[in-house]
PDB file of N, CA and C in Angstrom:
ATOM      1  N   MET A   1      12.733   2.878   3.853  1.00  0.00           N
ATOM      2  CA  MET A   1      12.254   2.232   2.708  1.00  0.00           C
ATOM      3  C   MET A   1      10.700   2.384   2.543  1.00  0.00           C
ATOM      4  N   LYS A   2      10.065   2.087   3.670  1.00  0.00           N
ATOM      5  CA  LYS A   2       8.561   2.168   3.599  1.00  0.00           C
ATOM      6  C   LYS A   2       8.120   3.575   3.279  1.00  0.00           C
ATOM      7  N   GLN A   3       8.742   4.602   3.914  1.00  0.00           N
ATOM      8  CA  GLN A   3       8.334   5.978   3.671  1.00  0.00           C
ATOM      9  C   GLN A   3       8.584   6.380   2.181  1.00  0.00           C
ATOM     10  N   ARG A   4       9.706   5.951   1.657  1.00  0.00           N
ATOM     11  CA  ARG A   4      10.033   6.228   0.259  1.00  0.00           C
ATOM     12  C   ARG A   4       8.995   5.568  -0.713  1.00  0.00           C
ATOM     13  N   ALA A   5       8.734   4.271  -0.353  1.00  0.00           N
ATOM     14  CA  ALA A   5       7.693   3.609  -1.164  1.00  0.00           C
ATOM     15  C   ALA A   5       6.335   4.272  -1.145  1.00  0.00           C
ATOM     16  N   TRP A   6       5.927   4.711   0.043  1.00  0.00           N
ATOM     17  CA  TRP A   6       4.700   5.400   0.140  1.00  0.00           C
ATOM     18  C   TRP A   6       4.635   6.672  -0.673  1.00  0.00           C
ATOM     19  N   PHE A   7       5.729   7.420  -0.518  1.00  0.00           N
ATOM     20  CA  PHE A   7       5.812   8.738  -1.328  1.00  0.00           C
ATOM     21  C   PHE A   7       5.797   8.413  -2.837  1.00  0.00           C
ATOM     22  N   GLN A   8       6.568   7.438  -3.296  1.00  0.00           N
ATOM     23  CA  GLN A   8       6.627   7.139  -4.747  1.00  0.00           C
ATOM     24  C   GLN A   8       5.249   6.563  -5.249  1.00  0.00           C
ATOM     25  N   ALA A   9       4.554   5.969  -4.393  1.00  0.00           N
ATOM     26  CA  ALA A   9       3.223   5.426  -4.800  1.00  0.00           C
ATOM     27  C   ALA A   9       2.079   6.429  -4.742  1.00  0.00           C
ATOM     28  N   THR A  10       2.193   7.391  -3.928  1.00  0.00           N
ATOM     29  CA  THR A  10       0.927   8.191  -3.618  1.00  0.00           C
ATOM     30  C   THR A  10       1.137   9.701  -3.850  1.00  0.00           C
ATOM     31  N   CYS A  11       2.305  10.107  -4.160  1.00  0.00           N
ATOM     32  CA  CYS A  11       2.575  11.636  -4.433  1.00  0.00           C
ATOM     33  C   CYS A  11       1.613  12.198  -5.511  1.00  0.00           C
ATOM     34  N   PRO A  12       1.040  13.277  -5.188  1.00  0.00           N
ATOM     35  CA  PRO A  12       0.115  13.913  -6.140  1.00  0.00           C
ATOM     36  C   PRO A  12       0.823  14.385  -7.472  1.00  0.00           C
ATOM     37  N   ASP A  13       2.148  14.643  -7.319  1.00  0.00           N
ATOM     38  CA  ASP A  13       2.891  15.077  -8.508  1.00  0.00           C
ATOM     39  C   ASP A  13       3.507  13.871  -9.207  1.00  0.00           C
ATOM     40  N   PRO A  14       3.043  13.615 -10.478  1.00  0.00           N
ATOM     41  CA  PRO A  14       3.507  12.438 -11.184  1.00  0.00           C
ATOM     42  C   PRO A  14       5.018  12.367 -11.432  1.00  0.00           C
ATOM     43  N   ALA A  15       5.628  13.557 -11.367  1.00  0.00           N
ATOM     44  CA  ALA A  15       7.117  13.552 -11.513  1.00  0.00           C
ATOM     45  C   ALA A  15       7.836  12.739 -10.473  1.00  0.00           C
ATOM     46  N   PHE A  16       7.195  12.631  -9.305  1.00  0.00           N
ATOM     47  CA  PHE A  16       7.853  11.951  -8.151  1.00  0.00           C
ATOM     48  C   PHE A  16       7.370  10.486  -8.039  1.00  0.00           C
ATOM     49  N   ARG A  17       6.380  10.064  -8.788  1.00  0.00           N
ATOM     50  CA  ARG A  17       5.817   8.752  -8.564  1.00  0.00           C
ATOM     51  C   ARG A  17       6.686   7.769  -9.418  1.00  0.00           C
ATOM     52  N   ASN A  18       6.899   6.544  -8.775  1.00  0.00           N
ATOM     53  CA  ASN A  18       7.666   5.481  -9.479  1.00  0.00           C
ATOM     54  C   ASN A  18       7.114   4.169  -8.884  1.00  0.00           C
ATOM     55  N   GLY A  19       6.128   3.642  -9.539  1.00  0.00           N
ATOM     56  CA  GLY A  19       5.391   2.462  -8.989  1.00  0.00           C
ATOM     57  C   GLY A  19       6.318   1.256  -8.851  1.00  0.00           C
ATOM     58  N   GLN A  20       7.174   1.010  -9.866  1.00  0.00           N
ATOM     59  CA  GLN A  20       8.059  -0.152  -9.853  1.00  0.00           C
ATOM     60  C   GLN A  20       8.991  -0.058  -8.620  1.00  0.00           C
ATOM     61  N   GLN A  21       9.600   1.116  -8.445  1.00  0.00           N
ATOM     62  CA  GLN A  21      10.534   1.227  -7.350  1.00  0.00           C
ATOM     63  C   GLN A  21       9.807   1.106  -6.002  1.00  0.00           C
ATOM     64  N   ALA A  22       8.582   1.670  -5.989  1.00  0.00           N
ATOM     65  CA  ALA A  22       7.785   1.562  -4.788  1.00  0.00           C
ATOM     66  C   ALA A  22       7.519   0.193  -4.440  1.00  0.00           C
ATOM     67  N   VAL A  23       7.209  -0.624  -5.380  1.00  0.00           N
ATOM     68  CA  VAL A  23       6.880  -2.085  -5.110  1.00  0.00           C
ATOM     69  C   VAL A  23       8.185  -2.737  -4.571  1.00  0.00           C
ATOM     70  N   LYS A  24       9.289  -2.446  -5.201  1.00  0.00           N
ATOM     71  CA  LYS A  24      10.593  -3.087  -4.659  1.00  0.00           C
ATOM     72  C   LYS A  24      10.803  -2.675  -3.291  1.00  0.00           C
ATOM     73  N   ASP A  25      10.693  -1.397  -2.964  1.00  0.00           N
ATOM     74  CA  ASP A  25      11.002  -0.896  -1.582  1.00  0.00           C
ATOM     75  C   ASP A  25       9.982  -1.441  -0.610  1.00  0.00           C
ATOM     76  N   ALA A  26       8.753  -1.477  -0.980  1.00  0.00           N
ATOM     77  CA  ALA A  26       7.676  -1.947  -0.062  1.00  0.00           C
ATOM     78  C   ALA A  26       7.841  -3.439   0.240  1.00  0.00           C
ATOM     79  N   LYS A  27       8.215  -4.219  -0.838  1.00  0.00           N
ATOM     80  CA  LYS A  27       8.467  -5.661  -0.652  1.00  0.00           C
ATOM     81  C   LYS A  27       9.649  -5.880   0.326  1.00  0.00           C
ATOM     82  N   ALA A  28      10.639  -5.107   0.195  1.00  0.00           N
ATOM     83  CA  ALA A  28      11.800  -5.227   1.108  1.00  0.00           C
ATOM     84  C   ALA A  28      11.389  -4.874   2.527  1.00  0.00           C
ATOM     85  N   ALA A  29      10.564  -3.789   2.671  1.00  0.00           N
ATOM     86  CA  ALA A  29      10.074  -3.465   3.996  1.00  0.00           C
ATOM     87  C   ALA A  29       9.144  -4.538   4.591  1.00  0.00           C
ATOM     88  N   CYS A  30       8.348  -5.073   3.740  1.00  0.00           N
ATOM     89  CA  CYS A  30       7.412  -6.197   4.220  1.00  0.00           C
ATOM     90  C   CYS A  30       8.257  -7.408   4.656  1.00  0.00           C
ATOM     91  N   SER A  31       9.336  -7.718   3.968  1.00  0.00           N
ATOM     92  CA  SER A  31      10.201  -8.752   4.361  1.00  0.00           C
ATOM     93  C   SER A  31      10.856  -8.532   5.686  1.00  0.00           C
ATOM     94  N   ILE A  32      11.296  -7.334   5.945  1.00  0.00           N
ATOM     95  CA  ILE A  32      11.947  -6.967   7.205  1.00  0.00           C
ATOM     96  C   ILE A  32      10.874  -7.121   8.337  1.00  0.00           C
ATOM     97  N   SER A  33       9.714  -6.721   8.012  1.00  0.00           N
ATOM     98  CA  SER A  33       8.687  -6.843   9.129  1.00  0.00           C
ATOM     99  C   SER A  33       8.024  -8.274   9.116  1.00  0.00           C
ATOM    100  N   GLU A  34       8.566  -9.152   8.356  1.00  0.00           N
ATOM    101  CA  GLU A  34       8.061 -10.497   8.286  1.00  0.00           C
ATOM    102  C   GLU A  34       6.538 -10.540   7.874  1.00  0.00           C
ATOM    103  N   TRP A  35       6.175  -9.595   7.072  1.00  0.00           N
ATOM    104  CA  TRP A  35       4.806  -9.555   6.513  1.00  0.00           C
ATOM    105  C   TRP A  35       3.731  -9.450   7.603  1.00  0.00           C
ATOM    106  N   ARG A  36       4.147  -8.820   8.689  1.00  0.00           N
ATOM    107  CA  ARG A  36       3.185  -8.724   9.868  1.00  0.00           C
ATOM    108  C   ARG A  36       2.773  -7.362  10.274  1.00  0.00           C
ATOM    109  N   ASP A  37       3.144  -6.309   9.472  1.00  0.00           N
ATOM    110  CA  ASP A  37       2.831  -4.934   9.778  1.00  0.00           C
ATOM    111  C   ASP A  37       1.841  -4.399   8.870  1.00  0.00           C
ATOM    112  N   GLU A  38       0.625  -3.988   9.352  1.00  0.00           N
ATOM    113  CA  GLU A  38      -0.406  -3.551   8.502  1.00  0.00           C
ATOM    114  C   GLU A  38      -0.098  -2.324   7.686  1.00  0.00           C
ATOM    115  N   ASP A  39       0.669  -1.377   8.258  1.00  0.00           N
ATOM    116  CA  ASP A  39       1.069  -0.193   7.428  1.00  0.00           C
ATOM    117  C   ASP A  39       1.989  -0.508   6.339  1.00  0.00           C
ATOM    118  N   THR A  40       2.868  -1.457   6.505  1.00  0.00           N
ATOM    119  CA  THR A  40       3.807  -1.820   5.419  1.00  0.00           C
ATOM    120  C   THR A  40       3.071  -2.647   4.341  1.00  0.00           C
ATOM    121  N   LEU A  41       2.146  -3.456   4.695  1.00  0.00           N
ATOM    122  CA  LEU A  41       1.346  -4.138   3.743  1.00  0.00           C
ATOM    123  C   LEU A  41       0.481  -3.214   2.936  1.00  0.00           C
ATOM    124  N   ASP A  42      -0.024  -2.168   3.630  1.00  0.00           N
ATOM    125  CA  ASP A  42      -0.869  -1.120   2.959  1.00  0.00           C
ATOM    126  C   ASP A  42       0.022  -0.322   1.964  1.00  0.00           C
ATOM    127  N   THR A  43       1.228  -0.124   2.372  1.00  0.00           N
ATOM    128  CA  THR A  43       2.168   0.584   1.454  1.00  0.00           C
ATOM    129  C   THR A  43       2.402  -0.234   0.239  1.00  0.00           C
ATOM    130  N   LEU A  44       2.611  -1.530   0.409  1.00  0.00           N
ATOM    131  CA  LEU A  44       2.804  -2.394  -0.758  1.00  0.00           C
ATOM    132  C   LEU A  44       1.542  -2.377  -1.619  1.00  0.00           C
ATOM    133  N   ALA A  45       0.424  -2.408  -1.067  1.00  0.00           N
ATOM    134  CA  ALA A  45      -0.844  -2.327  -1.801  1.00  0.00           C
ATOM    135  C   ALA A  45      -0.940  -1.044  -2.598  1.00  0.00           C
ATOM    136  N   ALA A  46      -0.556   0.068  -1.976  1.00  0.00           N
ATOM    137  CA  ALA A  46      -0.526   1.371  -2.648  1.00  0.00           C
ATOM    138  C   ALA A  46       0.472   1.381  -3.827  1.00  0.00           C
ATOM    139  N   ALA A  47       1.567   0.744  -3.650  1.00  0.00           N
ATOM    140  CA  ALA A  47       2.581   0.653  -4.677  1.00  0.00           C
ATOM    141  C   ALA A  47       2.067  -0.146  -5.901  1.00  0.00           C
ATOM    142  N   TYR A  48       1.396  -1.325  -5.610  1.00  0.00           N
ATOM    143  CA  TYR A  48       0.843  -2.039  -6.675  1.00  0.00           C
ATOM    144  C   TYR A  48      -0.276  -1.271  -7.407  1.00  0.00           C
ATOM    145  N   ALA A  49      -1.041  -0.546  -6.681  1.00  0.00           N
ATOM    146  CA  ALA A  49      -2.102   0.301  -7.320  1.00  0.00           C
ATOM    147  C   ALA A  49      -1.462   1.289  -8.287  1.00  0.00           C
ATOM    148  N   GLU A  50      -0.321   1.907  -7.844  1.00  0.00           N
ATOM    149  CA  GLU A  50       0.339   2.887  -8.643  1.00  0.00           C
ATOM    150  C   GLU A  50       0.785   2.236  -9.977  1.00  0.00           C
ATOM    151  N   THR A  51       1.089   0.912  -9.977  1.00  0.00           N
ATOM    152  CA  THR A  51       1.570   0.256 -11.215  1.00  0.00           C
ATOM    153  C   THR A  51       0.360  -0.199 -12.042  1.00  0.00           C
ATOM    154  N   GLY A  52      -0.805  -0.061 -11.517  1.00  0.00           N
ATOM    155  CA  GLY A  52      -2.034  -0.528 -12.211  1.00  0.00           C
ATOM    156  C   GLY A  52      -2.373  -1.910 -11.906  1.00  0.00           C
ATOM    157  N   ASP A  53      -1.697  -2.611 -10.993  1.00  0.00           N
ATOM    158  CA  ASP A  53      -1.998  -4.001 -10.617  1.00  0.00           C
ATOM    159  C   ASP A  53      -2.959  -3.919  -9.412  1.00  0.00           C
ATOM    160  N   PHE A  54      -4.203  -3.702  -9.693  1.00  0.00           N
ATOM    161  CA  PHE A  54      -5.237  -3.495  -8.698  1.00  0.00           C
ATOM    162  C   PHE A  54      -5.576  -4.823  -8.019  1.00  0.00           C
ATOM    163  N   ALA A  55      -5.480  -5.905  -8.677  1.00  0.00           N
ATOM    164  CA  ALA A  55      -5.695  -7.244  -8.063  1.00  0.00           C
ATOM    165  C   ALA A  55      -4.712  -7.411  -6.848  1.00  0.00           C
ATOM    166  N   SER A  56      -3.435  -7.120  -7.159  1.00  0.00           N
ATOM    167  CA  SER A  56      -2.464  -7.272  -6.059  1.00  0.00           C
ATOM    168  C   SER A  56      -2.674  -6.200  -4.937  1.00  0.00           C
ATOM    169  N   ALA A  57      -2.988  -5.056  -5.394  1.00  0.00           N
ATOM    170  CA  ALA A  57      -3.283  -3.975  -4.341  1.00  0.00           C
ATOM    171  C   ALA A  57      -4.431  -4.432  -3.485  1.00  0.00           C
ATOM    172  N   THR A  58      -5.444  -4.934  -4.057  1.00  0.00           N
ATOM    173  CA  THR A  58      -6.584  -5.391  -3.278  1.00  0.00           C
ATOM    174  C   THR A  58      -6.172  -6.494  -2.356  1.00  0.00           C
ATOM    175  N   ARG A  59      -5.432  -7.462  -2.852  1.00  0.00           N
ATOM    176  CA  ARG A  59      -5.004  -8.602  -2.042  1.00  0.00           C
ATOM    177  C   ARG A  59      -4.195  -8.142  -0.826  1.00  0.00           C
ATOM    178  N   TYR A  60      -3.176  -7.294  -1.036  1.00  0.00           N
ATOM    179  CA  TYR A  60      -2.365  -6.884   0.129  1.00  0.00           C
ATOM    180  C   TYR A  60      -3.128  -5.931   1.034  1.00  0.00           C
ATOM    181  N   ALA A  61      -4.042  -5.121   0.562  1.00  0.00           N
ATOM    182  CA  ALA A  61      -4.804  -4.363   1.485  1.00  0.00           C
ATOM    183  C   ALA A  61      -5.708  -5.222   2.383  1.00  0.00           C
ATOM    184  N   ALA A  62      -6.308  -6.226   1.750  1.00  0.00           N
ATOM    185  CA  ALA A  62      -7.102  -7.193   2.529  1.00  0.00           C
ATOM    186  C   ALA A  62      -6.250  -7.964   3.503  1.00  0.00           C
ATOM    187  N   GLN A  63      -5.054  -8.318   3.148  1.00  0.00           N
ATOM    188  CA  GLN A  63      -4.101  -8.988   4.048  1.00  0.00           C
ATOM    189  C   GLN A  63      -3.786  -8.161   5.213  1.00  0.00           C
ATOM    190  N   ALA A  64      -3.609  -6.839   4.957  1.00  0.00           N
ATOM    191  CA  ALA A  64      -3.297  -5.823   6.012  1.00  0.00           C
ATOM    192  C   ALA A  64      -4.439  -5.839   7.030  1.00  0.00           C
ATOM    193  N   LEU A  65      -5.689  -5.984   6.585  1.00  0.00           N
ATOM    194  CA  LEU A  65      -6.807  -5.896   7.463  1.00  0.00           C
ATOM    195  C   LEU A  65      -6.910  -7.155   8.354  1.00  0.00           C
ATOM    196  N   THR A  66      -6.150  -8.202   8.014  1.00  0.00           N
ATOM    197  CA  THR A  66      -6.198  -9.451   8.850  1.00  0.00           C
ATOM    198  C   THR A  66      -5.156  -9.473   9.978  1.00  0.00           C
ATOM    199  N   ILE A  67      -4.300  -8.435  10.042  1.00  0.00           N
ATOM    200  CA  ILE A  67      -3.322  -8.367  11.083  1.00  0.00           C
ATOM    201  C   ILE A  67      -3.990  -8.188  12.441  1.00  0.00           C
ATOM    202  N   LYS A  68      -3.572  -8.887  13.389  1.00  0.00           N
ATOM    203  CA  LYS A  68      -4.208  -8.856  14.731  1.00  0.00           C
ATOM    204  C   LYS A  68      -3.959  -7.476  15.420  1.00  0.00           C
ATOM    205  N   ASP A  69      -4.965  -7.007  16.102  1.00  0.00           N
ATOM    206  CA  ASP A  69      -4.894  -5.837  16.934  1.00  0.00           C
ATOM    207  C   ASP A  69      -4.588  -4.478  16.194  1.00  0.00           C
ATOM    208  N   ILE A  70      -5.202  -4.386  15.032  1.00  0.00           N
ATOM    209  CA  ILE A  70      -4.986  -3.107  14.239  1.00  0.00           C
ATOM    210  C   ILE A  70      -5.811  -2.029  15.004  1.00  0.00           C
ATOM    211  N   PRO A  71      -5.183  -0.903  15.231  1.00  0.00           N
ATOM    212  CA  PRO A  71      -5.928   0.256  15.800  1.00  0.00           C
ATOM    213  C   PRO A  71      -7.116   0.573  14.931  1.00  0.00           C
ATOM    214  N   PRO A  72      -8.249   0.910  15.454  1.00  0.00           N
ATOM    215  CA  PRO A  72      -9.479   1.148  14.676  1.00  0.00           C
ATOM    216  C   PRO A  72      -9.273   2.185  13.565  1.00  0.00           C
ATOM    217  N   LEU A  73      -8.549   3.311  13.865  1.00  0.00           N
ATOM    218  CA  LEU A  73      -8.344   4.305  12.865  1.00  0.00           C
ATOM    219  C   LEU A  73      -7.538   3.792  11.706  1.00  0.00           C
ATOM    220  N   ASP A  74      -6.541   3.004  11.979  1.00  0.00           N
ATOM    221  CA  ASP A  74      -5.722   2.393  10.947  1.00  0.00           C
ATOM    222  C   ASP A  74      -6.535   1.440  10.035  1.00  0.00           C
ATOM    223  N   ALA A  75      -7.392   0.638  10.705  1.00  0.00           N
ATOM    224  CA  ALA A  75      -8.244  -0.292   9.986  1.00  0.00           C
ATOM    225  C   ALA A  75      -9.168   0.507   9.091  1.00  0.00           C
ATOM    226  N   LYS A  76      -9.760   1.612   9.580  1.00  0.00           N
ATOM    227  CA  LYS A  76     -10.605   2.451   8.763  1.00  0.00           C
ATOM    228  C   LYS A  76      -9.882   3.023   7.569  1.00  0.00           C
ATOM    229  N   ARG A  77      -8.671   3.444   7.716  1.00  0.00           N
ATOM    230  CA  ARG A  77      -7.874   3.973   6.680  1.00  0.00           C
ATOM    231  C   ARG A  77      -7.571   2.967   5.556  1.00  0.00           C
ATOM    232  N   ILE A  78      -7.166   1.771   6.068  1.00  0.00           N
ATOM    233  CA  ILE A  78      -6.834   0.673   5.136  1.00  0.00           C
ATOM    234  C   ILE A  78      -8.078   0.241   4.391  1.00  0.00           C
ATOM    235  N   GLN A  79      -9.184   0.192   5.123  1.00  0.00           N
ATOM    236  CA  GLN A  79     -10.461  -0.189   4.421  1.00  0.00           C
ATOM    237  C   GLN A  79     -10.833   0.808   3.313  1.00  0.00           C
ATOM    238  N   HIS A  80     -10.587   2.082   3.535  1.00  0.00           N
ATOM    239  CA  HIS A  80     -10.819   3.153   2.562  1.00  0.00           C
ATOM    240  C   HIS A  80      -9.885   2.873   1.357  1.00  0.00           C
ATOM    241  N   HIS A  81      -8.630   2.562   1.630  1.00  0.00           N
ATOM    242  CA  HIS A  81      -7.752   2.332   0.475  1.00  0.00           C
ATOM    243  C   HIS A  81      -8.170   1.035  -0.309  1.00  0.00           C
ATOM    244  N   LEU A  82      -8.635   0.043   0.409  1.00  0.00           N
ATOM    245  CA  LEU A  82      -9.149  -1.179  -0.194  1.00  0.00           C
ATOM    246  C   LEU A  82     -10.270  -0.893  -1.166  1.00  0.00           C
ATOM    247  N   THR A  83     -11.109   0.037  -0.730  1.00  0.00           N
ATOM    248  CA  THR A  83     -12.303   0.427  -1.530  1.00  0.00           C
ATOM    249  C   THR A  83     -11.805   1.106  -2.834  1.00  0.00           C
ATOM    250  N   LEU A  84     -10.812   2.014  -2.706  1.00  0.00           N
ATOM    251  CA  LEU A  84     -10.223   2.618  -3.864  1.00  0.00           C
ATOM    252  C   LEU A  84      -9.687   1.610  -4.867  1.00  0.00           C
ATOM    253  N   PHE A  85      -8.955   0.646  -4.362  1.00  0.00           N
ATOM    254  CA  PHE A  85      -8.323  -0.351  -5.207  1.00  0.00           C
ATOM    255  C   PHE A  85      -9.334  -1.205  -5.900  1.00  0.00           C
ATOM    256  N   GLN A  86     -10.456  -1.549  -5.200  1.00  0.00           N
ATOM    257  CA  GLN A  86     -11.539  -2.285  -5.778  1.00  0.00           C
ATOM    258  C   GLN A  86     -12.216  -1.466  -6.926  1.00  0.00           C
ATOM    259  N   GLN A  87     -12.026  -0.170  -6.863  1.00  0.00           N
ATOM    260  CA  GLN A  87     -12.619   0.702  -7.923  1.00  0.00           C
ATOM    261  C   GLN A  87     -11.521   1.022  -9.005  1.00  0.00           C
ATOM    262  N   ASN A  88     -10.405   0.368  -8.898  1.00  0.00           N
ATOM    263  CA  ASN A  88      -9.281   0.592  -9.808  1.00  0.00           C
ATOM    264  C   ASN A  88      -8.753   2.061  -9.735  1.00  0.00           C
ATOM    265  N   ARG A  89      -8.689   2.474  -8.516  1.00  0.00           N
ATOM    266  CA  ARG A  89      -8.141   3.882  -8.320  1.00  0.00           C
ATOM    267  C   ARG A  89      -6.953   3.813  -7.375  1.00  0.00           C
ATOM    268  N   PRO A  90      -5.909   4.485  -7.685  1.00  0.00           N
ATOM    269  CA  PRO A  90      -4.745   4.578  -6.821  1.00  0.00           C
ATOM    270  C   PRO A  90      -4.986   5.628  -5.706  1.00  0.00           C
ATOM    271  N   ILE A  91      -4.091   5.623  -4.699  1.00  0.00           N
ATOM    272  CA  ILE A  91      -4.175   6.643  -3.652  1.00  0.00           C
ATOM    273  C   ILE A  91      -3.418   7.857  -4.114  1.00  0.00           C
ATOM    274  N   ARG A  92      -4.060   8.986  -3.918  1.00  0.00           N
ATOM    275  CA  ARG A  92      -3.417  10.337  -4.144  1.00  0.00           C
ATOM    276  C   ARG A  92      -3.592  11.155  -2.903  1.00  0.00           C
ATOM    277  N   LEU A  93      -2.494  11.612  -2.370  1.00  0.00           N
ATOM    278  CA  LEU A  93      -2.514  12.464  -1.199  1.00  0.00           C
ATOM    279  C   LEU A  93      -2.515  13.875  -1.540  1.00  0.00           C
TER     280      LEU A  93
END
């Protein structure tokens, strides 16, 4: 679920992007992880950014950064995503 949501939210080819489905899948993955996994929260943030809801994207990326014991490289990546969302920009890989 999480991988599909990430792909649908960040794919450079718009034919494969589906923000609404990405949000649904990412929310389900967050529920499974009990909202305690930074990568899953980052995926939800990316999905919201794809739908144009940058306020929610910013909120969930910021929440991801509050998870305890995030590896430094993961925190740096999520912080970069948060900066994009604050600029109203989605993630494109």
